[in-house]
Amino acid sequence: MTLSPEAVAATQTALAAEHAAVWTYGLVSAFVSDADATTRGANAHRARRDTTARLLRDAGAEPQPPAAAYLPPEPVTDAASSIAALVAVEADACRAWHGVLERTDDTDLRRSALDALTESAVRATRWRKTGGITPVAVALPGTS
């Protein structure tokens, strides 16, 4: 697979968003009562992270490693702040994957990016609904 430098950079950004999502799901797991949902979300991001790293290696790029820790938008101290952190990390993933869509014509990468964006948008909607956050769904996820 050959990717342009812009596509590689955007994919590295998406990989960083996946690393942050995995870390955040671990952080909030002590506060969110729906352990199955947090486990499913973490597992989905782990799988996407691994797929993305493999894709970058196949394109001849070295996948960026995760940071030691990430800073949530607000301190995570309870269920409400945990859900807000999950919504934020899913929105970040949507933006990152939208950036990949804007920077590649590669069919396989575009398919993967669209799947990732869609899955994160659905998870963000579910978390907003769980947290009573309105609007529950946003128009054009990943564009703002």
N, C-alpha and C. Protein backbone atom coordinates (compact mmCIF):
# COMPACT_ATOMS: atom_id res chain seq x y z
N MET A 1 0.85 -1.17 0.00
CA MET A 1 0.00 0.00 0.00
C MET A 1 0.89 1.23 0.00
N THR A 2 0.55 2.17 -0.85
CA THR A 2 1.28 3.44 -0.91
C THR A 2 0.33 4.55 -0.50
N LEU A 3 0.75 5.34 0.49
CA LEU A 3 -0.05 6.48 0.96
C LEU A 3 0.76 7.74 0.83
N SER A 4 0.08 8.82 0.54
CA SER A 4 0.75 10.12 0.48
C SER A 4 1.21 10.52 1.88
N PRO A 5 2.17 11.42 1.97
CA PRO A 5 2.60 11.90 3.29
C PRO A 5 1.43 12.51 4.08
N GLU A 6 0.51 13.17 3.40
CA GLU A 6 -0.65 13.76 4.08
C GLU A 6 -1.56 12.67 4.66
N ALA A 7 -1.74 11.59 3.91
CA ALA A 7 -2.57 10.49 4.38
C ALA A 7 -1.91 9.79 5.56
N VAL A 8 -0.59 9.63 5.50
CA VAL A 8 0.12 9.01 6.62
C VAL A 8 -0.01 9.88 7.86
N ALA A 9 0.19 11.18 7.71
CA ALA A 9 0.09 12.09 8.87
C ALA A 9 -1.32 12.06 9.47
N ALA A 10 -2.34 12.07 8.62
CA ALA A 10 -3.72 12.02 9.12
C ALA A 10 -4.00 10.68 9.81
N THR A 11 -3.46 9.62 9.28
CA THR A 11 -3.66 8.30 9.88
C THR A 11 -2.92 8.20 11.21
N GLN A 12 -1.76 8.81 11.30
CA GLN A 12 -1.05 8.87 12.59
C GLN A 12 -1.88 9.63 13.62
N THR A 13 -2.54 10.72 13.20
CA THR A 13 -3.41 11.48 14.10
C THR A 13 -4.57 10.62 14.55
N ALA A 14 -5.13 9.85 13.63
CA ALA A 14 -6.23 8.94 13.99
C ALA A 14 -5.74 7.86 14.95
N LEU A 15 -4.54 7.36 14.73
CA LEU A 15 -3.97 6.37 15.64
C LEU A 15 -3.82 6.98 17.04
N ALA A 16 -3.37 8.21 17.10
CA ALA A 16 -3.24 8.88 18.40
C ALA A 16 -4.60 9.01 19.09
N ALA A 17 -5.64 9.29 18.31
CA ALA A 17 -6.99 9.37 18.88
C ALA A 17 -7.43 8.00 19.41
N GLU A 18 -7.06 6.94 18.72
CA GLU A 18 -7.40 5.59 19.19
C GLU A 18 -6.65 5.26 20.48
N HIS A 19 -5.36 5.62 20.54
CA HIS A 19 -4.61 5.43 21.78
C HIS A 19 -5.29 6.15 22.94
N ALA A 20 -5.69 7.41 22.70
CA ALA A 20 -6.34 8.21 23.75
C ALA A 20 -7.67 7.58 24.16
N ALA A 21 -8.40 7.05 23.20
CA ALA A 21 -9.70 6.43 23.52
C ALA A 21 -9.51 5.20 24.40
N VAL A 22 -8.55 4.36 24.06
CA VAL A 22 -8.29 3.16 24.88
C VAL A 22 -7.95 3.58 26.30
N TRP A 23 -7.09 4.57 26.45
CA TRP A 23 -6.68 5.04 27.77
C TRP A 23 -7.88 5.61 28.53
N THR A 24 -8.71 6.40 27.86
CA THR A 24 -9.85 7.03 28.51
C THR A 24 -10.87 6.00 28.96
N TYR A 25 -11.13 5.00 28.15
CA TYR A 25 -12.06 3.95 28.57
C TYR A 25 -11.56 3.26 29.84
N GLY A 26 -10.26 3.07 29.95
CA GLY A 26 -9.71 2.50 31.17
C GLY A 26 -9.88 3.43 32.35
N LEU A 27 -9.67 4.71 32.13
CA LEU A 27 -9.80 5.70 33.19
C LEU A 27 -11.21 5.74 33.78
N VAL A 28 -12.21 5.73 32.92
CA VAL A 28 -13.59 5.94 33.38
C VAL A 28 -14.25 4.66 33.88
N SER A 29 -13.64 3.53 33.66
CA SER A 29 -14.31 2.27 33.98
C SER A 29 -14.71 2.15 35.46
N ALA A 30 -14.03 2.87 36.33
CA ALA A 30 -14.37 2.80 37.76
C ALA A 30 -15.65 3.57 38.09
N PHE A 31 -16.07 4.47 37.20
CA PHE A 31 -17.19 5.35 37.50
C PHE A 31 -18.45 5.06 36.70
N VAL A 32 -18.34 4.36 35.58
CA VAL A 32 -19.48 4.12 34.71
C VAL A 32 -20.13 2.79 35.10
N SER A 33 -21.44 2.83 35.34
CA SER A 33 -22.12 1.63 35.82
C SER A 33 -22.30 0.56 34.75
N ASP A 34 -22.26 0.94 33.48
CA ASP A 34 -22.44 -0.03 32.40
C ASP A 34 -21.08 -0.58 31.98
N ALA A 35 -20.59 -1.56 32.74
CA ALA A 35 -19.27 -2.14 32.48
C ALA A 35 -19.21 -2.79 31.11
N ASP A 36 -20.31 -3.37 30.65
CA ASP A 36 -20.31 -4.00 29.33
C ASP A 36 -20.08 -2.97 28.24
N ALA A 37 -20.70 -1.81 28.35
CA ALA A 37 -20.55 -0.77 27.33
C ALA A 37 -19.12 -0.23 27.31
N THR A 38 -18.53 -0.04 28.49
CA THR A 38 -17.15 0.45 28.51
C THR A 38 -16.19 -0.61 27.97
N THR A 39 -16.45 -1.86 28.28
CA THR A 39 -15.60 -2.94 27.76
C THR A 39 -15.72 -3.02 26.24
N ARG A 40 -16.94 -2.94 25.73
CA ARG A 40 -17.14 -2.97 24.26
C ARG A 40 -16.45 -1.79 23.59
N GLY A 41 -16.58 -0.61 24.18
CA GLY A 41 -15.94 0.58 23.61
C GLY A 41 -14.42 0.45 23.61
N ALA A 42 -13.87 0.02 24.74
CA ALA A 42 -12.42 -0.15 24.83
C ALA A 42 -11.94 -1.19 23.83
N ASN A 43 -12.65 -2.30 23.73
CA ASN A 43 -12.25 -3.36 22.79
C ASN A 43 -12.33 -2.89 21.35
N ALA A 44 -13.35 -2.12 21.02
CA ALA A 44 -13.48 -1.59 19.66
C ALA A 44 -12.32 -0.67 19.33
N HIS A 45 -11.95 0.19 20.27
CA HIS A 45 -10.82 1.10 20.02
C HIS A 45 -9.49 0.35 19.98
N ARG A 46 -9.33 -0.68 20.80
CA ARG A 46 -8.11 -1.49 20.72
C ARG A 46 -7.99 -2.15 19.34
N ALA A 47 -9.09 -2.71 18.87
CA ALA A 47 -9.07 -3.35 17.55
C ALA A 47 -8.76 -2.34 16.46
N ARG A 48 -9.38 -1.16 16.54
CA ARG A 48 -9.14 -0.12 15.53
C ARG A 48 -7.69 0.36 15.62
N ARG A 49 -7.18 0.51 16.83
CA ARG A 49 -5.79 0.92 17.03
C ARG A 49 -4.85 -0.09 16.37
N ASP A 50 -5.08 -1.37 16.62
CA ASP A 50 -4.21 -2.40 16.08
C ASP A 50 -4.29 -2.45 14.55
N THR A 51 -5.49 -2.33 14.02
CA THR A 51 -5.67 -2.31 12.56
C THR A 51 -4.96 -1.11 11.94
N THR A 52 -5.08 0.03 12.60
CA THR A 52 -4.47 1.25 12.08
C THR A 52 -2.95 1.16 12.12
N ALA A 53 -2.41 0.63 13.19
CA ALA A 53 -0.96 0.45 13.28
C ALA A 53 -0.46 -0.49 12.18
N ARG A 54 -1.19 -1.55 11.95
CA ARG A 54 -0.83 -2.51 10.89
C ARG A 54 -0.89 -1.83 9.52
N LEU A 55 -1.91 -1.03 9.30
CA LEU A 55 -2.07 -0.31 8.03
C LEU A 55 -0.88 0.62 7.81
N LEU A 56 -0.48 1.34 8.86
CA LEU A 56 0.67 2.25 8.73
C LEU A 56 1.94 1.47 8.42
N ARG A 57 2.14 0.35 9.10
CA ARG A 57 3.33 -0.47 8.82
C ARG A 57 3.31 -0.98 7.38
N ASP A 58 2.14 -1.40 6.91
CA ASP A 58 2.01 -1.87 5.52
C ASP A 58 2.33 -0.76 4.52
N ALA A 59 2.11 0.49 4.94
CA ALA A 59 2.40 1.63 4.07
C ALA A 59 3.84 2.11 4.23
N GLY A 60 4.62 1.41 5.07
CA GLY A 60 6.02 1.77 5.25
C GLY A 60 6.27 2.82 6.31
N ALA A 61 5.27 3.11 7.13
CA ALA A 61 5.42 4.12 8.19
C ALA A 61 5.52 3.43 9.54
N GLU A 62 6.20 4.06 10.46
CA GLU A 62 6.31 3.55 11.83
C GLU A 62 5.17 4.14 12.65
N PRO A 63 4.26 3.29 13.16
CA PRO A 63 3.14 3.81 13.96
C PRO A 63 3.64 4.51 15.22
N GLN A 64 3.04 5.65 15.52
CA GLN A 64 3.40 6.39 16.72
C GLN A 64 2.93 5.61 17.95
N PRO A 65 3.76 5.54 18.98
CA PRO A 65 3.35 4.84 20.21
C PRO A 65 2.39 5.69 21.02
N PRO A 66 1.71 5.07 21.97
CA PRO A 66 0.80 5.85 22.82
C PRO A 66 1.59 6.74 23.78
N ALA A 67 0.93 7.78 24.24
CA ALA A 67 1.50 8.62 25.29
C ALA A 67 1.39 7.87 26.62
N ALA A 68 2.13 8.33 27.60
CA ALA A 68 2.06 7.68 28.92
C ALA A 68 0.69 7.92 29.56
N ALA A 69 0.09 9.06 29.29
CA ALA A 69 -1.22 9.40 29.85
C ALA A 69 -1.84 10.49 28.97
N TYR A 70 -3.12 10.71 29.16
CA TYR A 70 -3.85 11.72 28.40
C TYR A 70 -4.63 12.59 29.37
N LEU A 71 -4.93 13.81 28.96
CA LEU A 71 -5.65 14.75 29.80
C LEU A 71 -7.09 14.83 29.33
N PRO A 72 -8.04 14.36 30.15
CA PRO A 72 -9.45 14.50 29.76
C PRO A 72 -9.85 15.98 29.80
N PRO A 73 -10.96 16.33 29.15
CA PRO A 73 -11.36 17.74 29.09
C PRO A 73 -11.69 18.33 30.46
N GLU A 74 -12.05 17.49 31.40
CA GLU A 74 -12.30 17.92 32.78
C GLU A 74 -11.92 16.75 33.68
N PRO A 75 -11.64 17.02 34.95
CA PRO A 75 -11.30 15.91 35.84
C PRO A 75 -12.41 14.85 35.87
N VAL A 76 -12.00 13.61 35.89
CA VAL A 76 -12.96 12.50 35.95
C VAL A 76 -13.09 12.09 37.41
N THR A 77 -14.27 12.40 37.97
CA THR A 77 -14.48 12.15 39.40
C THR A 77 -15.77 11.39 39.70
N ASP A 78 -16.62 11.24 38.69
CA ASP A 78 -17.91 10.58 38.91
C ASP A 78 -18.46 10.10 37.57
N ALA A 79 -19.68 9.57 37.61
CA ALA A 79 -20.28 9.04 36.38
C ALA A 79 -20.48 10.13 35.33
N ALA A 80 -20.96 11.29 35.74
CA ALA A 80 -21.24 12.36 34.77
C ALA A 80 -19.95 12.83 34.07
N SER A 81 -18.89 13.03 34.84
CA SER A 81 -17.65 13.48 34.22
C SER A 81 -17.02 12.36 33.38
N SER A 82 -17.27 11.12 33.76
CA SER A 82 -16.79 9.99 32.97
C SER A 82 -17.48 9.93 31.62
N ILE A 83 -18.78 10.10 31.63
CA ILE A 83 -19.52 10.08 30.38
C ILE A 83 -19.12 11.25 29.50
N ALA A 84 -18.91 12.42 30.10
CA ALA A 84 -18.44 13.57 29.32
C ALA A 84 -17.09 13.27 28.68
N ALA A 85 -16.21 12.60 29.41
CA ALA A 85 -14.90 12.24 28.85
C ALA A 85 -15.05 11.26 27.69
N LEU A 86 -15.98 10.31 27.81
CA LEU A 86 -16.21 9.35 26.73
C LEU A 86 -16.79 10.03 25.50
N VAL A 87 -17.73 10.94 25.70
CA VAL A 87 -18.28 11.69 24.57
C VAL A 87 -17.16 12.47 23.88
N ALA A 88 -16.31 13.11 24.67
CA ALA A 88 -15.22 13.91 24.10
C ALA A 88 -14.23 13.05 23.32
N VAL A 89 -13.87 11.90 23.87
CA VAL A 89 -12.89 11.06 23.18
C VAL A 89 -13.48 10.46 21.91
N GLU A 90 -14.76 10.15 21.91
CA GLU A 90 -15.40 9.66 20.69
C GLU A 90 -15.50 10.78 19.64
N ALA A 91 -15.79 11.99 20.07
CA ALA A 91 -15.82 13.13 19.14
C ALA A 91 -14.43 13.39 18.56
N ASP A 92 -13.40 13.26 19.40
CA ASP A 92 -12.03 13.42 18.90
C ASP A 92 -11.71 12.37 17.85
N ALA A 93 -12.14 11.14 18.09
CA ALA A 93 -11.91 10.07 17.12
C ALA A 93 -12.65 10.38 15.82
N CYS A 94 -13.87 10.86 15.92
CA CYS A 94 -14.63 11.23 14.71
C CYS A 94 -13.87 12.28 13.90
N ARG A 95 -13.38 13.32 14.59
CA ARG A 95 -12.63 14.38 13.88
C ARG A 95 -11.37 13.82 13.23
N ALA A 96 -10.67 12.96 13.94
CA ALA A 96 -9.42 12.40 13.39
C ALA A 96 -9.71 11.55 12.16
N TRP A 97 -10.72 10.70 12.23
CA TRP A 97 -11.03 9.85 11.09
C TRP A 97 -11.61 10.65 9.93
N HIS A 98 -12.34 11.70 10.22
CA HIS A 98 -12.81 12.59 9.15
C HIS A 98 -11.61 13.21 8.44
N GLY A 99 -10.59 13.55 9.21
CA GLY A 99 -9.37 14.09 8.62
C GLY A 99 -8.70 13.11 7.68
N VAL A 100 -8.76 11.83 8.00
CA VAL A 100 -8.20 10.82 7.09
C VAL A 100 -9.01 10.80 5.80
N LEU A 101 -10.33 10.83 5.92
CA LEU A 101 -11.18 10.82 4.72
C LEU A 101 -10.86 11.99 3.79
N GLU A 102 -10.53 13.12 4.38
CA GLU A 102 -10.22 14.31 3.58
C GLU A 102 -8.86 14.25 2.90
N ARG A 103 -7.99 13.32 3.34
CA ARG A 103 -6.61 13.35 2.87
C ARG A 103 -6.16 12.10 2.12
N THR A 104 -7.09 11.23 1.75
CA THR A 104 -6.68 10.06 0.99
C THR A 104 -7.73 9.68 -0.05
N ASP A 105 -7.23 9.09 -1.11
CA ASP A 105 -8.10 8.50 -2.13
C ASP A 105 -8.01 6.98 -2.10
N ASP A 106 -7.17 6.44 -1.20
CA ASP A 106 -7.01 4.99 -1.10
C ASP A 106 -8.32 4.36 -0.63
N THR A 107 -8.84 3.45 -1.42
CA THR A 107 -10.14 2.84 -1.14
C THR A 107 -10.18 2.12 0.20
N ASP A 108 -9.17 1.32 0.48
CA ASP A 108 -9.16 0.57 1.75
C ASP A 108 -9.05 1.49 2.95
N LEU A 109 -8.21 2.49 2.86
CA LEU A 109 -8.07 3.44 3.98
C LEU A 109 -9.35 4.25 4.15
N ARG A 110 -9.96 4.66 3.07
CA ARG A 110 -11.22 5.41 3.17
C ARG A 110 -12.31 4.55 3.81
N ARG A 111 -12.39 3.28 3.43
CA ARG A 111 -13.38 2.38 4.01
C ARG A 111 -13.14 2.23 5.52
N SER A 112 -11.90 2.03 5.89
CA SER A 112 -11.55 1.89 7.30
C SER A 112 -11.87 3.18 8.07
N ALA A 113 -11.54 4.31 7.49
CA ALA A 113 -11.79 5.60 8.14
C ALA A 113 -13.29 5.85 8.30
N LEU A 114 -14.06 5.54 7.28
CA LEU A 114 -15.51 5.74 7.37
C LEU A 114 -16.12 4.82 8.41
N ASP A 115 -15.67 3.58 8.45
CA ASP A 115 -16.16 2.65 9.48
C ASP A 115 -15.82 3.17 10.88
N ALA A 116 -14.59 3.64 11.06
CA ALA A 116 -14.15 4.14 12.37
C ALA A 116 -14.96 5.37 12.76
N LEU A 117 -15.15 6.29 11.83
CA LEU A 117 -15.93 7.50 12.11
C LEU A 117 -17.36 7.13 12.50
N THR A 118 -17.96 6.24 11.75
CA THR A 118 -19.34 5.83 12.02
C THR A 118 -19.47 5.16 13.39
N GLU A 119 -18.55 4.25 13.68
CA GLU A 119 -18.61 3.55 14.97
C GLU A 119 -18.42 4.50 16.14
N SER A 120 -17.50 5.45 16.02
CA SER A 120 -17.30 6.43 17.09
C SER A 120 -18.51 7.34 17.23
N ALA A 121 -19.12 7.72 16.13
CA ALA A 121 -20.31 8.57 16.19
C ALA A 121 -21.46 7.86 16.89
N VAL A 122 -21.62 6.58 16.61
CA VAL A 122 -22.67 5.81 17.27
C VAL A 122 -22.39 5.69 18.76
N ARG A 123 -21.14 5.39 19.12
CA ARG A 123 -20.81 5.31 20.56
C ARG A 123 -21.01 6.65 21.25
N ALA A 124 -20.62 7.74 20.61
CA ALA A 124 -20.81 9.07 21.21
C ALA A 124 -22.29 9.35 21.43
N THR A 125 -23.12 8.97 20.47
CA THR A 125 -24.56 9.17 20.61
C THR A 125 -25.10 8.35 21.79
N ARG A 126 -24.66 7.13 21.90
CA ARG A 126 -25.11 6.28 23.02
C ARG A 126 -24.68 6.88 24.36
N TRP A 127 -23.44 7.38 24.43
CA TRP A 127 -22.98 7.97 25.70
C TRP A 127 -23.73 9.26 26.02
N ARG A 128 -24.01 10.08 24.99
CA ARG A 128 -24.80 11.30 25.24
C ARG A 128 -26.18 10.92 25.75
N LYS A 129 -26.79 9.91 25.16
CA LYS A 129 -28.10 9.47 25.62
C LYS A 129 -28.02 8.97 27.06
N THR A 130 -27.04 8.15 27.37
CA THR A 130 -26.85 7.64 28.73
C THR A 130 -26.68 8.78 29.73
N GLY A 131 -25.92 9.79 29.33
CA GLY A 131 -25.64 10.91 30.23
C GLY A 131 -26.68 12.00 30.23
N GLY A 132 -27.73 11.86 29.42
CA GLY A 132 -28.75 12.89 29.35
C GLY A 132 -28.24 14.17 28.70
N ILE A 133 -27.26 14.04 27.83
CA ILE A 133 -26.65 15.18 27.15
C ILE A 133 -27.41 15.45 25.86
N THR A 134 -27.78 16.70 25.65
CA THR A 134 -28.47 17.06 24.42
C THR A 134 -27.62 18.04 23.62
N PRO A 135 -27.70 18.00 22.32
CA PRO A 135 -28.48 17.03 21.56
C PRO A 135 -27.84 15.65 21.65
N VAL A 136 -28.68 14.64 21.56
CA VAL A 136 -28.18 13.27 21.66
C VAL A 136 -27.31 12.93 20.45
N ALA A 137 -27.74 13.36 19.28
CA ALA A 137 -26.98 13.11 18.06
C ALA A 137 -26.56 14.45 17.46
N VAL A 138 -25.42 14.44 16.79
CA VAL A 138 -24.94 15.66 16.14
C VAL A 138 -24.93 15.44 14.63
N ALA A 139 -25.17 16.52 13.92
CA ALA A 139 -25.13 16.46 12.46
C ALA A 139 -23.67 16.41 12.01
N LEU A 140 -23.38 15.62 11.03
CA LEU A 140 -22.07 15.52 10.43
C LEU A 140 -20.95 15.32 11.45
N PRO A 141 -20.96 14.19 12.15
CA PRO A 141 -19.91 13.94 13.15
C PRO A 141 -18.52 14.07 12.53
N GLY A 142 -17.63 14.64 13.29
CA GLY A 142 -16.24 14.77 12.85
C GLY A 142 -15.93 16.04 12.11
N THR A 143 -16.94 16.88 11.88
CA THR A 143 -16.69 18.10 11.13
C THR A 143 -16.55 19.34 12.02
N SER A 144 -16.81 19.18 13.29
CA SER A 144 -16.66 20.37 14.15
C SER A 144 -15.68 20.13 15.27
